[in-house]
C-alpha cells in the first residue's frame, strides 16, 4: 500500500512539474524570440535563425537559472490541489503525516537537481556555447574581439586604420601577464611590436612594465626602444574583460570540476569559477528547500483562496531572487567569501523551513 501511495504522489507531482515546465518554456520562447528578431531585423536572415538561437538559449535559462522558482510554483500548485481535493486528509488516514508527504516531494526535487547537473547541464552548456558563437558572428562590433583558448588571452582592436593584435599568457588580478602587442598597418605589414612582462589594465590606459618596443619599416629595418614604463590606450580594461570571462554558462558542471586549473590558466577568475561550482552544488538543496517552503505556505494557510496563494508565490519568488542577487553582490565586493555568498540564501531558507516544519508537525 505504501508503495502505491508513494508512486501516486510522485506521479502526480511529476505531472504538475512538466506542465509548469512546459508553460515556462513557452513563455520564455515567446519573450526571447522577440529579442532575437529585433537583433536580426537589419540582416537578411530568415526567421529560422532567431528560432534556433532561442531554442538554444532557453533550456539553460529554464533548467539552471529559473529552476528553483519553477519548482516552487510546481510545489505550490501540487499542494493546493491535494489540499482542495481533500486528498491530504485521505493520506493522513493511511498514516502519511504532513512532514512525510513533504519529505517525499522534496526528495523528488532534490533528485531532479542531481539529474540536471549530471545529464541536463552538459547539453544546455553546449547549446549556450553554440548560441554565443553563432550570435558573435553577427555582432556589429567586429572591430573589437576577445577570445580565450589554450594559448592564452587574445584581443583584436582597430584604431586609426591600424589593426592591434594583443596576446597575453593569462589574466591575473588586474594584470595581463607576458603581453605581446602587434600593430599591423593598413598596408598589411607589422610596423610595431611591443613586448612586456605584464600590463596593468585597471583602466583603459594600460601601464606596461619594462616594455620592449620594436619599430619596423618596409625596408626591414628594426628600431628597438626599451622603457621602464609604457602607456597603451585600449578599448578594454579589467572590468570589461572580467565581464566577458565570467559567463560560465558555456562550461558544464563536469568541465568546471575536471578542468578547474586549466580554466584559471586560460584567464578565468578563480573566485568566479569557485562561485559557479558552489552554485551547482547548491542547486539540488535549493530545489528541495523551495519545495518545503511552498508546502509550508500552503499547508499552514487555512484560507482556500487560490489567488492569495498565487500572490504569496510571486512575492516569495521576488524576495528570494533579490536575496540571491544581494548575496552574490556581497561576494563580488569581497565583503563575504564568494562561496559563502552562494550558500547564504540556502542557509536562510533552511532556517525558515525549520520553523515552518515545526508548526506543520504539530498539526
Protein backbone atom coordinates (compact mmCIF):
# COMPACT_ATOMS: atom_id res chain seq x y z
CA UNK A 1 0.00 0.00 0.00
CA UNK A 2 2.81 2.42 0.90
CA UNK A 3 4.50 1.87 -2.47
CA UNK A 4 1.23 2.54 -4.26
CA UNK A 5 0.69 5.80 -2.38
CA UNK A 6 4.33 6.84 -2.91
CA UNK A 7 4.04 6.19 -6.65
CA UNK A 8 0.80 8.17 -6.72
CA UNK A 9 2.42 11.18 -5.04
CA UNK A 10 5.48 11.00 -7.26
CA UNK A 11 3.46 10.67 -10.48
CA UNK A 12 1.06 13.47 -9.53
CA UNK A 13 3.93 15.81 -8.63
CA UNK A 14 5.82 14.93 -11.80
CA UNK A 15 2.78 15.68 -13.98
CA UNK A 16 2.37 19.09 -12.39
CA UNK A 17 6.10 19.75 -12.78
CA UNK A 18 6.15 19.02 -16.51
CA UNK A 19 3.04 21.14 -17.05
CA UNK A 20 4.66 24.12 -15.29
CA UNK A 21 7.91 23.43 -17.14
CA UNK A 22 6.11 23.44 -20.50
CA UNK A 23 4.33 26.71 -19.69
CA UNK A 24 7.63 28.31 -18.59
CA UNK A 25 9.36 27.11 -21.74
CA UNK A 26 6.64 28.52 -23.99
CA UNK A 27 6.69 31.89 -22.23
CA UNK A 28 10.48 32.05 -22.42
CA UNK A 29 10.39 31.06 -26.07
CA UNK A 30 7.94 33.82 -26.98
CA UNK A 31 9.68 36.55 -24.99
CA UNK A 32 13.21 35.71 -26.14
CA UNK A 33 12.13 35.27 -29.76
CA UNK A 34 11.11 38.94 -29.89
CA UNK A 35 14.59 39.90 -28.68
CA UNK A 36 16.32 37.72 -31.28
CA UNK A 37 14.10 39.02 -34.09
CA UNK A 38 14.96 42.57 -33.02
CA UNK A 39 18.68 41.69 -33.14
CA UNK A 40 18.44 40.32 -36.70
CA UNK A 41 15.92 42.83 -38.07
CA UNK A 42 18.54 44.59 -40.23
CA UNK A 43 20.04 41.37 -41.59
CA UNK A 44 18.89 39.16 -44.45
CA UNK A 45 18.44 36.12 -42.22
CA UNK A 46 15.13 34.29 -42.18
CA UNK A 47 13.05 33.72 -39.05
CA UNK A 48 14.59 30.25 -38.80
CA UNK A 49 17.86 31.51 -37.26
CA UNK A 50 16.23 33.52 -34.40
CA UNK A 51 14.08 30.46 -33.62
CA UNK A 52 17.15 28.18 -33.50
CA UNK A 53 19.04 30.63 -31.29
CA UNK A 54 16.06 30.97 -28.96
CA UNK A 55 15.78 27.19 -28.68
CA UNK A 56 19.50 27.09 -27.86
CA UNK A 57 19.27 29.76 -25.16
CA UNK A 58 16.03 28.98 -23.33
CA UNK A 59 16.91 25.50 -21.91
CA UNK A 60 19.83 26.89 -19.87
CA UNK A 61 17.65 29.75 -18.63
CA UNK A 62 14.87 27.38 -17.58
CA UNK A 63 16.83 24.43 -16.18
CA UNK A 64 19.67 26.31 -14.47
CA UNK A 65 18.65 29.88 -13.66
CA UNK A 66 14.89 29.64 -13.13
CA UNK A 67 14.52 26.05 -11.93
CA UNK A 68 14.25 26.93 -8.18
CA UNK A 69 11.29 29.19 -8.92
CA UNK A 70 9.69 26.69 -11.30
CA UNK A 71 9.97 24.06 -8.57
CA UNK A 72 8.43 26.49 -6.08
CA UNK A 73 5.41 27.15 -8.33
CA UNK A 74 5.10 23.42 -9.04
CA UNK A 75 5.06 22.55 -5.34
CA UNK A 76 2.53 25.31 -4.63
CA UNK A 77 0.17 24.01 -7.33
CA UNK A 78 0.62 20.39 -6.20
CA UNK A 79 -0.06 21.03 -2.51
CA UNK A 80 -3.01 23.30 -3.31
CA UNK A 81 -4.54 20.57 -5.48
CA UNK A 82 -4.26 17.80 -2.88
CA UNK A 83 -5.44 20.14 -0.13
CA UNK A 84 -8.51 21.43 -2.00
CA UNK A 85 -9.49 17.93 -3.14
CA UNK A 86 -9.24 16.61 0.45
CA UNK A 87 -6.56 14.13 -0.67
CA UNK A 88 -4.39 15.47 2.15
CA UNK A 89 -6.90 14.19 4.70
CA UNK A 90 -7.14 10.84 2.91
CA UNK A 91 -3.36 10.45 3.00
CA UNK A 92 -3.39 11.11 6.75
CA UNK A 93 -5.88 8.27 7.17
CA UNK A 94 -3.29 5.95 5.62
CA UNK A 95 -0.66 7.15 8.08
CA UNK A 96 1.00 9.86 5.97
CA UNK A 97 1.79 12.92 8.05
CA UNK A 98 2.35 16.36 6.54
CA UNK A 99 6.10 16.07 7.16
CA UNK A 100 6.28 12.66 5.47
CA UNK A 101 4.48 13.94 2.37
CA UNK A 102 6.77 16.97 2.21
CA UNK A 103 9.83 14.75 2.60
CA UNK A 104 8.77 12.56 -0.35
CA UNK A 105 8.07 15.52 -2.64
CA UNK A 106 11.21 17.44 -1.64
CA UNK A 107 13.30 14.29 -2.23
CA UNK A 108 11.98 14.19 -5.80
CA UNK A 109 13.01 17.83 -6.24
CA UNK A 110 16.47 17.05 -4.84
CA UNK A 111 16.82 14.11 -7.23
CA UNK A 112 15.74 16.29 -10.13
CA UNK A 113 18.54 18.73 -9.22
CA UNK A 114 21.10 15.93 -9.43
CA UNK A 115 19.71 14.85 -12.81
CA UNK A 116 20.05 18.42 -14.07
CA UNK A 117 23.72 18.58 -13.02
CA UNK A 118 24.69 15.20 -14.47
CA UNK A 119 22.51 14.81 -17.58
CA UNK A 120 20.89 18.14 -18.50
CA UNK A 121 23.65 20.67 -17.84
CA UNK A 122 26.21 19.20 -20.32
CA UNK A 123 23.57 19.58 -23.04
CA UNK A 124 22.47 23.10 -22.10
CA UNK A 125 26.07 24.34 -21.79
CA UNK A 126 26.83 23.18 -25.34
CA UNK A 127 23.64 24.84 -26.55
CA UNK A 128 24.67 28.12 -24.92
CA UNK A 129 28.13 27.76 -26.46
CA UNK A 130 26.51 27.40 -29.90
CA UNK A 131 24.28 30.40 -29.14
CA UNK A 132 27.21 32.61 -28.14
CA UNK A 133 29.37 31.54 -31.06
CA UNK A 134 26.65 31.98 -33.66
CA UNK A 135 25.46 35.32 -32.37
CA UNK A 136 29.00 36.69 -32.12
CA UNK A 137 29.38 36.11 -35.87
CA UNK A 138 26.59 38.62 -36.44
CA UNK A 139 27.80 41.16 -33.90
CA UNK A 140 28.23 44.67 -35.29
CA UNK A 141 31.20 45.34 -33.03
CA UNK A 142 33.65 43.27 -35.09
CA UNK A 143 36.44 45.82 -34.69
CA UNK A 144 36.87 44.71 -31.09
CA UNK A 145 37.04 40.99 -30.33
CA UNK A 146 38.24 38.93 -27.37
CA UNK A 147 38.77 35.21 -27.15
CA UNK A 148 40.25 32.79 -24.62
CA UNK A 149 41.87 29.49 -25.56
CA UNK A 150 44.72 27.23 -24.51
CA UNK A 151 47.19 29.77 -25.93
CA UNK A 152 46.02 32.50 -23.54
CA UNK A 153 44.08 35.72 -23.99
CA UNK A 154 43.69 37.19 -27.49
CA UNK A 155 42.35 40.67 -28.23
CA UNK A 156 41.79 42.37 -31.57
CA UNK A 157 41.30 46.13 -31.86
CA UNK A 158 41.18 48.59 -34.73
CA UNK A 159 42.35 52.17 -34.23
CA UNK A 160 43.29 54.83 -36.78
CA UNK A 161 43.18 52.25 -39.62
CA UNK A 162 45.72 50.11 -37.78
CA UNK A 163 44.99 46.59 -36.52
CA UNK A 164 46.18 45.77 -32.99
CA UNK A 165 46.57 42.07 -32.15
CA UNK A 166 47.22 41.56 -28.45
CA UNK A 167 48.20 38.28 -26.84
CA UNK A 168 48.85 37.52 -23.15
CA UNK A 169 49.58 34.30 -21.31
CA UNK A 170 46.82 34.90 -18.74
CA UNK A 171 44.86 37.47 -16.76
CA UNK A 172 45.99 37.68 -13.14
CA UNK A 173 44.05 40.11 -10.91
CA UNK A 174 44.39 43.45 -12.73
CA UNK A 175 47.37 42.40 -14.86
CA UNK A 176 47.88 40.71 -18.19
CA UNK A 177 50.98 38.51 -17.95
CA UNK A 178 53.58 38.21 -20.77
CA UNK A 179 51.93 40.69 -23.12
CA UNK A 180 52.69 40.99 -26.82
CA UNK A 181 51.10 43.75 -28.94
CA UNK A 182 51.48 43.65 -32.75
CA UNK A 183 50.47 46.70 -34.76
CA UNK A 184 49.54 45.92 -38.37
CA UNK A 185 49.23 48.86 -40.75
CA UNK A 186 46.59 49.34 -43.43
CA UNK A 187 49.22 48.09 -45.94
CA UNK A 188 49.21 44.74 -44.08
CA UNK A 189 52.69 44.76 -42.62
CA UNK A 190 53.72 44.70 -38.95
CA UNK A 191 55.06 48.15 -38.21
CA UNK A 192 55.45 47.77 -34.46
CA UNK A 193 55.61 45.09 -31.78
CA UNK A 194 55.52 45.76 -28.04
CA UNK A 195 56.54 43.10 -25.53
CA UNK A 196 56.18 43.48 -21.76
CA UNK A 197 56.36 41.34 -18.63
CA UNK A 198 52.89 42.47 -17.61
CA UNK A 199 50.35 45.20 -18.21
CA UNK A 200 48.22 46.83 -15.54
CA UNK A 201 44.80 47.11 -17.21
CA UNK A 202 42.87 48.64 -14.30
CA UNK A 203 41.58 51.28 -16.71
CA UNK A 204 41.73 51.83 -20.47
CA UNK A 205 45.21 53.34 -20.24
CA UNK A 206 47.29 50.22 -19.80
CA UNK A 207 50.57 50.57 -17.93
CA UNK A 208 53.20 48.21 -19.39
CA UNK A 209 56.12 47.22 -17.17
CA UNK A 210 59.65 47.03 -18.68
CA UNK A 211 58.39 47.03 -22.28
CA UNK A 212 60.48 46.49 -25.41
CA UNK A 213 59.18 48.47 -28.39
CA UNK A 214 60.23 47.17 -31.82
CA UNK A 215 59.59 49.58 -34.72
CA UNK A 216 59.76 48.15 -38.25
CA UNK A 217 59.82 49.87 -41.62
CA UNK A 218 59.04 48.40 -45.03
CA UNK A 219 62.77 48.04 -45.81
CA UNK A 220 63.16 45.59 -42.91
CA UNK A 221 64.98 47.92 -40.55
CA UNK A 222 64.35 47.43 -36.81
CA UNK A 223 64.50 50.12 -34.15
CA UNK A 224 64.48 48.78 -30.56
CA UNK A 225 63.43 51.04 -27.70
CA UNK A 226 63.48 49.98 -24.04
CA UNK A 227 61.48 51.87 -21.46
CA UNK A 228 60.77 51.36 -17.74
CA UNK A 229 57.07 52.03 -18.37
CA UNK A 230 54.83 52.50 -21.38
CA UNK A 231 51.20 53.60 -21.66
CA UNK A 232 48.95 51.88 -24.18
CA UNK A 233 45.37 53.07 -24.71
CA UNK A 234 42.92 50.20 -25.26
CA UNK A 235 39.21 49.69 -25.72
CA UNK A 236 39.31 47.11 -22.91
CA UNK A 237 40.05 47.22 -19.19
CA UNK A 238 39.95 44.61 -16.44
CA UNK A 239 36.22 45.09 -15.78
CA UNK A 240 35.29 44.59 -19.42
CA UNK A 241 37.46 41.50 -19.69
CA UNK A 242 36.06 40.04 -16.48
CA UNK A 243 32.54 40.63 -17.74
CA UNK A 244 33.43 38.61 -20.82
CA UNK A 245 35.19 35.87 -18.87
CA UNK A 246 32.62 35.39 -16.12
CA UNK A 247 29.92 33.89 -18.36
CA UNK A 248 30.47 30.27 -17.40
CA UNK A 249 27.15 29.04 -18.78
CA UNK A 250 29.08 27.66 -21.75
CA UNK A 251 31.03 25.34 -19.42
CA UNK A 252 29.32 22.35 -17.86
CA UNK A 253 29.44 21.35 -14.21
CA UNK A 254 31.63 18.36 -15.09
CA UNK A 255 34.12 20.55 -17.00
CA UNK A 256 34.31 23.04 -14.14
CA UNK A 257 35.26 20.23 -11.78
CA UNK A 258 37.72 18.39 -14.03
CA UNK A 259 39.31 21.39 -15.82
CA UNK A 260 39.41 23.86 -12.96
CA UNK A 261 43.15 24.60 -13.18
CA UNK A 262 43.14 24.83 -16.97
CA UNK A 263 40.35 27.42 -16.88
CA UNK A 264 42.28 29.54 -14.39
CA UNK A 265 45.40 29.39 -16.60
CA UNK A 266 43.29 30.45 -19.59
CA UNK A 267 42.25 33.62 -17.75
CA UNK A 268 39.05 32.79 -15.87
CA UNK A 269 38.90 34.21 -12.36
CA UNK A 270 39.41 31.63 -9.62
CA UNK A 271 36.73 33.21 -7.43
CA UNK A 272 34.22 33.23 -10.30
CA UNK A 273 34.84 29.56 -11.02
CA UNK A 274 34.55 28.68 -7.32
CA UNK A 275 31.29 30.61 -7.07
CA UNK A 276 29.85 28.81 -10.10
CA UNK A 277 30.88 25.37 -8.81
CA UNK A 278 29.28 26.07 -5.44
CA UNK A 279 26.09 27.32 -7.11
CA UNK A 280 25.88 23.99 -8.96
CA UNK A 281 26.44 22.03 -5.75
CA UNK A 282 23.76 24.12 -4.03
CA UNK A 283 21.17 23.57 -6.78
CA UNK A 284 19.69 20.23 -5.55
CA UNK A 285 19.48 21.57 -1.98
CA UNK A 286 17.90 24.79 -3.24
CA UNK A 287 15.25 22.87 -5.17
CA UNK A 288 14.40 20.71 -2.16
CA UNK A 289 14.19 23.73 0.14
CA UNK A 290 11.97 25.64 -2.28
CA UNK A 291 9.64 22.63 -2.28
CA UNK A 292 9.49 22.63 1.50
CA UNK A 293 8.90 26.39 1.56
CA UNK A 294 5.98 26.06 -0.86
CA UNK A 295 4.48 23.29 1.29
CA UNK A 296 4.76 25.43 4.43
CA UNK A 297 2.96 28.35 2.81
CA UNK A 298 0.22 26.06 1.51
CA UNK A 299 -0.44 23.64 4.36
CA UNK A 300 -0.14 26.23 7.13
CA UNK A 301 -2.67 28.51 5.43
CA UNK A 302 -6.28 27.58 6.14
CA UNK A 303 -7.64 30.03 3.61
CA UNK A 304 -8.75 28.32 0.40
CA UNK A 305 -8.34 31.44 -1.72
CA UNK A 306 -6.06 30.37 -4.60
CA UNK A 307 -5.45 33.99 -5.63
CA UNK A 308 -3.84 34.55 -2.26
CA UNK A 309 -1.59 31.54 -2.79
CA UNK A 310 -0.53 32.96 -6.16
CA UNK A 311 0.28 36.34 -4.62
CA UNK A 312 2.33 34.61 -1.92
CA UNK A 313 4.21 32.65 -4.59
CA UNK A 314 5.04 35.73 -6.66
CA UNK A 315 6.10 37.78 -3.62
CA UNK A 316 8.21 34.94 -2.20
CA UNK A 317 9.96 34.34 -5.52
CA UNK A 318 10.75 38.05 -5.82
CA UNK A 319 12.18 38.20 -2.28
CA UNK A 320 14.32 35.09 -2.78
CA UNK A 321 15.50 36.32 -6.19
CA UNK A 322 16.71 39.64 -4.75
CA UNK A 323 18.16 37.86 -1.73
CA UNK A 324 20.29 35.75 -4.06
CA UNK A 325 21.37 38.83 -6.02
CA UNK A 326 22.24 40.70 -2.83
CA UNK A 327 24.25 37.77 -1.52
CA UNK A 328 26.17 37.41 -4.81
CA UNK A 329 26.84 41.17 -4.85
CA UNK A 330 28.31 40.95 -1.34
CA UNK A 331 30.53 38.11 -2.53
CA UNK A 332 31.76 40.03 -5.57
CA UNK A 333 32.53 43.08 -3.44
CA UNK A 334 34.67 40.85 -1.14
CA UNK A 335 32.51 41.63 1.90
CA UNK A 336 31.89 37.92 2.29
CA UNK A 337 33.66 34.96 0.64
CA UNK A 338 32.12 34.11 -2.79
CA UNK A 339 31.45 30.55 -1.67
CA UNK A 340 29.50 31.78 1.37
CA UNK A 341 27.53 34.18 -0.84
CA UNK A 342 26.16 31.17 -2.76
CA UNK A 343 25.18 29.18 0.33
CA UNK A 344 23.85 32.09 2.41
CA UNK A 345 20.34 32.08 0.79
CA UNK A 346 20.24 28.28 1.23
CA UNK A 347 21.05 28.67 4.95
CA UNK A 348 18.42 31.38 5.43
CA UNK A 349 15.72 29.36 3.68
CA UNK A 350 16.73 26.28 5.70
CA UNK A 351 16.22 28.15 8.97
CA UNK A 352 12.87 29.47 7.75
CA UNK A 353 11.79 25.97 6.75
CA UNK A 354 12.83 24.53 10.11
CA UNK A 355 10.43 26.88 11.92
CA UNK A 356 7.64 26.16 9.43
CA UNK A 357 8.07 22.39 9.68
CA UNK A 358 7.75 22.56 13.46
CA UNK A 359 4.39 24.25 13.03
CA UNK A 360 3.26 21.74 10.41
CA UNK A 361 4.35 18.79 12.57
CA UNK A 362 2.05 19.99 15.34
CA UNK A 363 -1.00 19.73 13.07
